[in-house]
Amino acid sequence: MHYIWLALIGLAIGAVAKFLTPGRDPGGCVVTMLIGLVGSILGAAIAHAMNIDASSGLSWFIVSVIGAIILLVIYHLVIGRRNAP
């Protein structure tokens, strides 16, 4: 049951990040879920490095979405260079 909850939270975070990031985004539901989960880990690591307490509630969600947006921006930079003539 815990993994289902993590998947749903990852999907929500990934969907919000995709909504807030302009441009074409990768994949479907599974990729969105993975972007949300990895973005959450990235956001928590950045918050921890900056001594920001994002352990629960709205602050955790915001930090997670910011991490997912960072992942999407990196994706756009890499794909943009790869598709350039």
PDB file of N, CA and C in Angstrom:
ATOM      1  N   MET A   1       0.820  -1.189   0.000  1.00  0.00           N
ATOM      2  CA  MET A   1       0.000   0.000   0.000  1.00  0.00           C
ATOM      3  C   MET A   1       0.866   1.257   0.000  1.00  0.00           C
ATOM      4  N   HIS A   2       2.007   1.178   0.670  1.00  0.00           N
ATOM      5  CA  HIS A   2       2.909   2.324   0.746  1.00  0.00           C
ATOM      6  C   HIS A   2       3.412   2.707  -0.646  1.00  0.00           C
ATOM      7  N   TYR A   3       3.709   1.737  -1.483  1.00  0.00           N
ATOM      8  CA  TYR A   3       4.219   2.010  -2.819  1.00  0.00           C
ATOM      9  C   TYR A   3       3.155   2.642  -3.712  1.00  0.00           C
ATOM     10  N   ILE A   4       1.921   2.251  -3.524  1.00  0.00           N
ATOM     11  CA  ILE A   4       0.832   2.871  -4.279  1.00  0.00           C
ATOM     12  C   ILE A   4       0.695   4.336  -3.892  1.00  0.00           C
ATOM     13  N   TRP A   5       0.808   4.620  -2.604  1.00  0.00           N
ATOM     14  CA  TRP A   5       0.742   5.999  -2.126  1.00  0.00           C
ATOM     15  C   TRP A   5       1.897   6.820  -2.701  1.00  0.00           C
ATOM     16  N   LEU A   6       3.108   6.268  -2.687  1.00  0.00           N
ATOM     17  CA  LEU A   6       4.261   6.961  -3.262  1.00  0.00           C
ATOM     18  C   LEU A   6       4.058   7.234  -4.748  1.00  0.00           C
ATOM     19  N   ALA A   7       3.499   6.265  -5.469  1.00  0.00           N
ATOM     20  CA  ALA A   7       3.260   6.436  -6.897  1.00  0.00           C
ATOM     21  C   ALA A   7       2.257   7.559  -7.150  1.00  0.00           C
ATOM     22  N   LEU A   8       1.201   7.613  -6.371  1.00  0.00           N
ATOM     23  CA  LEU A   8       0.197   8.671  -6.541  1.00  0.00           C
ATOM     24  C   LEU A   8       0.760  10.043  -6.210  1.00  0.00           C
ATOM     25  N   ILE A   9       1.551  10.134  -5.149  1.00  0.00           N
ATOM     26  CA  ILE A   9       2.176  11.411  -4.791  1.00  0.00           C
ATOM     27  C   ILE A   9       3.157  11.832  -5.888  1.00  0.00           C
ATOM     28  N   GLY A  10       3.960  10.888  -6.395  1.00  0.00           N
ATOM     29  CA  GLY A  10       4.882  11.183  -7.486  1.00  0.00           C
ATOM     30  C   GLY A  10       4.162  11.660  -8.726  1.00  0.00           C
ATOM     31  N   LEU A  11       3.033  11.039  -9.027  1.00  0.00           N
ATOM     32  CA  LEU A  11       2.238  11.440 -10.178  1.00  0.00           C
ATOM     33  C   LEU A  11       1.715  12.864 -10.008  1.00  0.00           C
ATOM     34  N   ALA A  12       1.239  13.195  -8.824  1.00  0.00           N
ATOM     35  CA  ALA A  12       0.728  14.544  -8.566  1.00  0.00           C
ATOM     36  C   ALA A  12       1.844  15.588  -8.684  1.00  0.00           C
ATOM     37  N   ILE A  13       2.995  15.310  -8.108  1.00  0.00           N
ATOM     38  CA  ILE A  13       4.113  16.246  -8.163  1.00  0.00           C
ATOM     39  C   ILE A  13       4.591  16.413  -9.604  1.00  0.00           C
ATOM     40  N   GLY A  14       4.728  15.309 -10.322  1.00  0.00           N
ATOM     41  CA  GLY A  14       5.150  15.368 -11.719  1.00  0.00           C
ATOM     42  C   GLY A  14       4.158  16.131 -12.590  1.00  0.00           C
ATOM     43  N   ALA A  15       2.875  15.930 -12.354  1.00  0.00           N
ATOM     44  CA  ALA A  15       1.850  16.616 -13.138  1.00  0.00           C
ATOM     45  C   ALA A  15       1.885  18.124 -12.886  1.00  0.00           C
ATOM     46  N   VAL A  16       2.044  18.532 -11.645  1.00  0.00           N
ATOM     47  CA  VAL A  16       2.130  19.966 -11.329  1.00  0.00           C
ATOM     48  C   VAL A  16       3.379  20.565 -11.971  1.00  0.00           C
ATOM     49  N   ALA A  17       4.496  19.860 -11.892  1.00  0.00           N
ATOM     50  CA  ALA A  17       5.739  20.358 -12.493  1.00  0.00           C
ATOM     51  C   ALA A  17       5.602  20.474 -14.010  1.00  0.00           C
ATOM     52  N   LYS A  18       4.976  19.488 -14.655  1.00  0.00           N
ATOM     53  CA  LYS A  18       4.773  19.555 -16.103  1.00  0.00           C
ATOM     54  C   LYS A  18       3.849  20.704 -16.473  1.00  0.00           C
ATOM     55  N   PHE A  19       2.851  20.972 -15.647  1.00  0.00           N
ATOM     56  CA  PHE A  19       1.924  22.066 -15.903  1.00  0.00           C
ATOM     57  C   PHE A  19       2.637  23.416 -15.808  1.00  0.00           C
ATOM     58  N   LEU A  20       3.569  23.548 -14.872  1.00  0.00           N
ATOM     59  CA  LEU A  20       4.259  24.815 -14.646  1.00  0.00           C
ATOM     60  C   LEU A  20       5.456  25.032 -15.560  1.00  0.00           C
ATOM     61  N   THR A  21       5.921  24.002 -16.251  1.00  0.00           N
ATOM     62  CA  THR A  21       7.093  24.103 -17.112  1.00  0.00           C
ATOM     63  C   THR A  21       6.636  24.206 -18.559  1.00  0.00           C
ATOM     64  N   PRO A  22       7.064  25.276 -19.276  1.00  0.00           N
ATOM     65  CA  PRO A  22       6.658  25.408 -20.676  1.00  0.00           C
ATOM     66  C   PRO A  22       7.403  24.432 -21.580  1.00  0.00           C
ATOM     67  N   GLY A  23       6.802  24.127 -22.712  1.00  0.00           N
ATOM     68  CA  GLY A  23       7.439  23.251 -23.691  1.00  0.00           C
ATOM     69  C   GLY A  23       6.908  21.837 -23.622  1.00  0.00           C
ATOM     70  N   ARG A  24       7.374  21.018 -24.584  1.00  0.00           N
ATOM     71  CA  ARG A  24       6.971  19.606 -24.616  1.00  0.00           C
ATOM     72  C   ARG A  24       7.705  18.847 -23.528  1.00  0.00           C
ATOM     73  N   ASP A  25       6.989  17.975 -22.876  1.00  0.00           N
ATOM     74  CA  ASP A  25       7.567  17.199 -21.792  1.00  0.00           C
ATOM     75  C   ASP A  25       7.594  15.722 -22.162  1.00  0.00           C
ATOM     76  N   PRO A  26       8.496  14.970 -21.546  1.00  0.00           N
ATOM     77  CA  PRO A  26       8.660  13.568 -21.910  1.00  0.00           C
ATOM     78  C   PRO A  26       7.545  12.677 -21.388  1.00  0.00           C
ATOM     79  N   GLY A  27       7.271  11.620 -22.127  1.00  0.00           N
ATOM     80  CA  GLY A  27       6.519  10.477 -21.661  1.00  0.00           C
ATOM     81  C   GLY A  27       5.090  10.684 -21.231  1.00  0.00           C
ATOM     82  N   GLY A  28       4.572   9.614 -20.682  1.00  0.00           N
ATOM     83  CA  GLY A  28       3.205   9.590 -20.215  1.00  0.00           C
ATOM     84  C   GLY A  28       3.126   9.522 -18.711  1.00  0.00           C
ATOM     85  N   CYS A  29       2.242   8.688 -18.245  1.00  0.00           N
ATOM     86  CA  CYS A  29       1.927   8.596 -16.828  1.00  0.00           C
ATOM     87  C   CYS A  29       3.106   8.081 -15.999  1.00  0.00           C
ATOM     88  N   VAL A  30       3.768   7.053 -16.474  1.00  0.00           N
ATOM     89  CA  VAL A  30       4.876   6.458 -15.718  1.00  0.00           C
ATOM     90  C   VAL A  30       6.057   7.419 -15.637  1.00  0.00           C
ATOM     91  N   VAL A  31       6.375   8.086 -16.741  1.00  0.00           N
ATOM     92  CA  VAL A  31       7.483   9.047 -16.742  1.00  0.00           C
ATOM     93  C   VAL A  31       7.155  10.227 -15.840  1.00  0.00           C
ATOM     94  N   THR A  32       5.913  10.685 -15.863  1.00  0.00           N
ATOM     95  CA  THR A  32       5.492  11.771 -14.978  1.00  0.00           C
ATOM     96  C   THR A  32       5.663  11.370 -13.520  1.00  0.00           C
ATOM     97  N   MET A  33       5.315  10.135 -13.199  1.00  0.00           N
ATOM     98  CA  MET A  33       5.460   9.618 -11.844  1.00  0.00           C
ATOM     99  C   MET A  33       6.934   9.593 -11.430  1.00  0.00           C
ATOM    100  N   LEU A  34       7.790   9.113 -12.322  1.00  0.00           N
ATOM    101  CA  LEU A  34       9.223   9.056 -12.021  1.00  0.00           C
ATOM    102  C   LEU A  34       9.824  10.450 -11.868  1.00  0.00           C
ATOM    103  N   ILE A  35       9.403  11.388 -12.703  1.00  0.00           N
ATOM    104  CA  ILE A  35       9.880  12.761 -12.573  1.00  0.00           C
ATOM    105  C   ILE A  35       9.462  13.327 -11.219  1.00  0.00           C
ATOM    106  N   GLY A  36       8.249  13.040 -10.785  1.00  0.00           N
ATOM    107  CA  GLY A  36       7.784  13.507  -9.479  1.00  0.00           C
ATOM    108  C   GLY A  36       8.565  12.899  -8.328  1.00  0.00           C
ATOM    109  N   LEU A  37       8.825  11.601  -8.402  1.00  0.00           N
ATOM    110  CA  LEU A  37       9.560  10.930  -7.324  1.00  0.00           C
ATOM    111  C   LEU A  37      11.017  11.391  -7.256  1.00  0.00           C
ATOM    112  N   VAL A  38      11.694  11.425  -8.398  1.00  0.00           N
ATOM    113  CA  VAL A  38      13.093  11.859  -8.408  1.00  0.00           C
ATOM    114  C   VAL A  38      13.190  13.345  -8.089  1.00  0.00           C
ATOM    115  N   GLY A  39      12.235  14.124  -8.566  1.00  0.00           N
ATOM    116  CA  GLY A  39      12.199  15.551  -8.240  1.00  0.00           C
ATOM    117  C   GLY A  39      12.026  15.795  -6.755  1.00  0.00           C
ATOM    118  N   SER A  40      11.251  14.963  -6.114  1.00  0.00           N
ATOM    119  CA  SER A  40      11.068  15.065  -4.668  1.00  0.00           C
ATOM    120  C   SER A  40      12.379  14.820  -3.932  1.00  0.00           C
ATOM    121  N   ILE A  41      13.121  13.818  -4.378  1.00  0.00           N
ATOM    122  CA  ILE A  41      14.425  13.517  -3.760  1.00  0.00           C
ATOM    123  C   ILE A  41      15.397  14.660  -4.009  1.00  0.00           C
ATOM    124  N   LEU A  42      15.429  15.168  -5.250  1.00  0.00           N
ATOM    125  CA  LEU A  42      16.317  16.276  -5.588  1.00  0.00           C
ATOM    126  C   LEU A  42      15.964  17.526  -4.790  1.00  0.00           C
ATOM    127  N   GLY A  43      14.690  17.840  -4.707  1.00  0.00           N
ATOM    128  CA  GLY A  43      14.256  19.007  -3.953  1.00  0.00           C
ATOM    129  C   GLY A  43      14.593  18.900  -2.474  1.00  0.00           C
ATOM    130  N   ALA A  44      14.436  17.716  -1.914  1.00  0.00           N
ATOM    131  CA  ALA A  44      14.772  17.515  -0.499  1.00  0.00           C
ATOM    132  C   ALA A  44      16.272  17.675  -0.270  1.00  0.00           C
ATOM    133  N   ALA A  45      17.082  17.191  -1.205  1.00  0.00           N
ATOM    134  CA  ALA A  45      18.535  17.331  -1.074  1.00  0.00           C
ATOM    135  C   ALA A  45      18.946  18.801  -1.151  1.00  0.00           C
ATOM    136  N   ILE A  46      18.339  19.546  -2.062  1.00  0.00           N
ATOM    137  CA  ILE A  46      18.650  20.970  -2.179  1.00  0.00           C
ATOM    138  C   ILE A  46      18.208  21.720  -0.924  1.00  0.00           C
ATOM    139  N   ALA A  47      17.012  21.414  -0.421  1.00  0.00           N
ATOM    140  CA  ALA A  47      16.519  22.074   0.791  1.00  0.00           C
ATOM    141  C   ALA A  47      17.410  21.754   1.983  1.00  0.00           C
ATOM    142  N   HIS A  48      17.849  20.512   2.082  1.00  0.00           N
ATOM    143  CA  HIS A  48      18.734  20.118   3.175  1.00  0.00           C
ATOM    144  C   HIS A  48      20.074  20.860   3.086  1.00  0.00           C
ATOM    145  N   ALA A  49      20.606  21.010   1.870  1.00  0.00           N
ATOM    146  CA  ALA A  49      21.875  21.726   1.692  1.00  0.00           C
ATOM    147  C   ALA A  49      21.740  23.203   2.047  1.00  0.00           C
ATOM    148  N   MET A  50      20.531  23.752   1.892  1.00  0.00           N
ATOM    149  CA  MET A  50      20.303  25.164   2.207  1.00  0.00           C
ATOM    150  C   MET A  50      19.745  25.366   3.621  1.00  0.00           C
ATOM    151  N   ASN A  51      19.713  24.295   4.412  1.00  0.00           N
ATOM    152  CA  ASN A  51      19.179  24.318   5.783  1.00  0.00           C
ATOM    153  C   ASN A  51      17.724  24.787   5.846  1.00  0.00           C
ATOM    154  N   ILE A  52      16.932  24.339   4.898  1.00  0.00           N
ATOM    155  CA  ILE A  52      15.499  24.637   4.879  1.00  0.00           C
ATOM    156  C   ILE A  52      14.767  23.404   5.376  1.00  0.00           C
ATOM    157  N   ASP A  53      13.881  23.594   6.357  1.00  0.00           N
ATOM    158  CA  ASP A  53      13.116  22.462   6.878  1.00  0.00           C
ATOM    159  C   ASP A  53      11.893  22.229   5.992  1.00  0.00           C
ATOM    160  N   ALA A  54      11.953  21.195   5.191  1.00  0.00           N
ATOM    161  CA  ALA A  54      10.849  20.838   4.299  1.00  0.00           C
ATOM    162  C   ALA A  54      10.424  19.411   4.586  1.00  0.00           C
ATOM    163  N   SER A  55      10.249  19.104   5.844  1.00  0.00           N
ATOM    164  CA  SER A  55       9.994  17.727   6.231  1.00  0.00           C
ATOM    165  C   SER A  55       8.523  17.322   6.136  1.00  0.00           C
ATOM    166  N   SER A  56       7.618  18.283   6.079  1.00  0.00           N
ATOM    167  CA  SER A  56       6.210  17.899   6.011  1.00  0.00           C
ATOM    168  C   SER A  56       5.366  19.043   5.462  1.00  0.00           C
ATOM    169  N   GLY A  57       4.152  18.702   5.105  1.00  0.00           N
ATOM    170  CA  GLY A  57       3.164  19.688   4.724  1.00  0.00           C
ATOM    171  C   GLY A  57       3.417  20.357   3.393  1.00  0.00           C
ATOM    172  N   LEU A  58       2.973  21.588   3.320  1.00  0.00           N
ATOM    173  CA  LEU A  58       3.047  22.350   2.087  1.00  0.00           C
ATOM    174  C   LEU A  58       4.486  22.631   1.674  1.00  0.00           C
ATOM    175  N   SER A  59       5.371  22.852   2.634  1.00  0.00           N
ATOM    176  CA  SER A  59       6.770  23.128   2.284  1.00  0.00           C
ATOM    177  C   SER A  59       7.395  21.928   1.574  1.00  0.00           C
ATOM    178  N   TRP A  60       7.070  20.718   1.992  1.00  0.00           N
ATOM    179  CA  TRP A  60       7.584  19.524   1.334  1.00  0.00           C
ATOM    180  C   TRP A  60       7.072  19.436  -0.100  1.00  0.00           C
ATOM    181  N   PHE A  61       5.797  19.710  -0.312  1.00  0.00           N
ATOM    182  CA  PHE A  61       5.218  19.646  -1.645  1.00  0.00           C
ATOM    183  C   PHE A  61       5.857  20.682  -2.569  1.00  0.00           C
ATOM    184  N   ILE A  62       6.044  21.899  -2.075  1.00  0.00           N
ATOM    185  CA  ILE A  62       6.654  22.962  -2.881  1.00  0.00           C
ATOM    186  C   ILE A  62       8.085  22.605  -3.252  1.00  0.00           C
ATOM    187  N   VAL A  63       8.854  22.124  -2.284  1.00  0.00           N
ATOM    188  CA  VAL A  63      10.240  21.725  -2.549  1.00  0.00           C
ATOM    189  C   VAL A  63      10.277  20.574  -3.554  1.00  0.00           C
ATOM    190  N   SER A  64       9.361  19.650  -3.461  1.00  0.00           N
ATOM    191  CA  SER A  64       9.302  18.522  -4.395  1.00  0.00           C
ATOM    192  C   SER A  64       8.987  18.982  -5.810  1.00  0.00           C
ATOM    193  N   VAL A  65       8.044  19.894  -5.943  1.00  0.00           N
ATOM    194  CA  VAL A  65       7.690  20.414  -7.265  1.00  0.00           C
ATOM    195  C   VAL A  65       8.868  21.193  -7.853  1.00  0.00           C
ATOM    196  N   ILE A  66       9.562  21.966  -7.030  1.00  0.00           N
ATOM    197  CA  ILE A  66      10.735  22.709  -7.515  1.00  0.00           C
ATOM    198  C   ILE A  66      11.797  21.733  -8.015  1.00  0.00           C
ATOM    199  N   GLY A  67      12.024  20.648  -7.301  1.00  0.00           N
ATOM    200  CA  GLY A  67      12.972  19.634  -7.752  1.00  0.00           C
ATOM    201  C   GLY A  67      12.564  19.016  -9.078  1.00  0.00           C
ATOM    202  N   ALA A  68      11.279  18.743  -9.240  1.00  0.00           N
ATOM    203  CA  ALA A  68      10.790  18.167 -10.497  1.00  0.00           C
ATOM    204  C   ALA A  68      10.908  19.170 -11.642  1.00  0.00           C
ATOM    205  N   ILE A  69      10.677  20.436 -11.368  1.00  0.00           N
ATOM    206  CA  ILE A  69      10.837  21.475 -12.397  1.00  0.00           C
ATOM    207  C   ILE A  69      12.300  21.561 -12.823  1.00  0.00           C
ATOM    208  N   ILE A  70      13.214  21.465 -11.863  1.00  0.00           N
ATOM    209  CA  ILE A  70      14.642  21.476 -12.196  1.00  0.00           C
ATOM    210  C   ILE A  70      14.970  20.312 -13.132  1.00  0.00           C
ATOM    211  N   LEU A  71      14.429  19.136 -12.841  1.00  0.00           N
ATOM    212  CA  LEU A  71      14.646  17.988 -13.722  1.00  0.00           C
ATOM    213  C   LEU A  71      14.112  18.239 -15.131  1.00  0.00           C
ATOM    214  N   LEU A  72      12.938  18.830 -15.221  1.00  0.00           N
ATOM    215  CA  LEU A  72      12.357  19.098 -16.531  1.00  0.00           C
ATOM    216  C   LEU A  72      13.154  20.149 -17.296  1.00  0.00           C
ATOM    217  N   VAL A  73      13.665  21.160 -16.613  1.00  0.00           N
ATOM    218  CA  VAL A  73      14.481  22.180 -17.276  1.00  0.00           C
ATOM    219  C   VAL A  73      15.771  21.555 -17.805  1.00  0.00           C
ATOM    220  N   ILE A  74      16.387  20.692 -17.009  1.00  0.00           N
ATOM    221  CA  ILE A  74      17.585  19.987 -17.476  1.00  0.00           C
ATOM    222  C   ILE A  74      17.248  19.127 -18.690  1.00  0.00           C
ATOM    223  N   TYR A  75      16.120  18.451 -18.662  1.00  0.00           N
ATOM    224  CA  TYR A  75      15.678  17.647 -19.800  1.00  0.00           C
ATOM    225  C   TYR A  75      15.546  18.514 -21.053  1.00  0.00           C
ATOM    226  N   HIS A  76      14.903  19.685 -20.911  1.00  0.00           N
ATOM    227  CA  HIS A  76      14.723  20.573 -22.057  1.00  0.00           C
ATOM    228  C   HIS A  76      16.068  21.065 -22.599  1.00  0.00           C
ATOM    229  N   LEU A  77      17.009  21.342 -21.726  1.00  0.00           N
ATOM    230  CA  LEU A  77      18.335  21.786 -22.177  1.00  0.00           C
ATOM    231  C   LEU A  77      19.054  20.680 -22.936  1.00  0.00           C
ATOM    232  N   VAL A  78      18.995  19.458 -22.433  1.00  0.00           N
ATOM    233  CA  VAL A  78      19.674  18.340 -23.092  1.00  0.00           C
ATOM    234  C   VAL A  78      19.008  18.008 -24.429  1.00  0.00           C
ATOM    235  N   ILE A  79      17.709  17.917 -24.453  1.00  0.00           N
ATOM    236  CA  ILE A  79      16.991  17.580 -25.676  1.00  0.00           C
ATOM    237  C   ILE A  79      17.102  18.710 -26.697  1.00  0.00           C
ATOM    238  N   GLY A  80      17.092  19.948 -26.230  1.00  0.00           N
ATOM    239  CA  GLY A  80      17.231  21.084 -27.141  1.00  0.00           C
ATOM    240  C   GLY A  80      18.572  21.068 -27.856  1.00  0.00           C
ATOM    241  N   ARG A  81      19.626  20.716 -27.162  1.00  0.00           N
ATOM    242  CA  ARG A  81      20.948  20.632 -27.785  1.00  0.00           C
ATOM    243  C   ARG A  81      21.039  19.452 -28.739  1.00  0.00           C
ATOM    244  N   ARG A  82      20.394  18.357 -28.375  1.00  0.00           N
ATOM    245  CA  ARG A  82      20.468  17.153 -29.197  1.00  0.00           C
ATOM    246  C   ARG A  82      19.712  17.344 -30.518  1.00  0.00           C
ATOM    247  N   ASN A  83      18.621  18.110 -30.501  1.00  0.00           N
ATOM    248  CA  ASN A  83      17.818  18.314 -31.706  1.00  0.00           C
ATOM    249  C   ASN A  83      18.281  19.508 -32.534  1.00  0.00           C
ATOM    250  N   ALA A  84      19.253  20.278 -32.058  1.00  0.00           N
ATOM    251  CA  ALA A  84      19.735  21.443 -32.797  1.00  0.00           C
ATOM    252  C   ALA A  84      20.558  20.993 -34.008  1.00  0.00           C
ATOM    253  N   PRO A  85      20.443  21.753 -35.120  1.00  0.00           N
ATOM    254  CA  PRO A  85      21.190  21.353 -36.335  1.00  0.00           C
ATOM    255  C   PRO A  85      22.673  21.583 -36.227  1.00  0.00           C
TER     256      PRO A  85
END
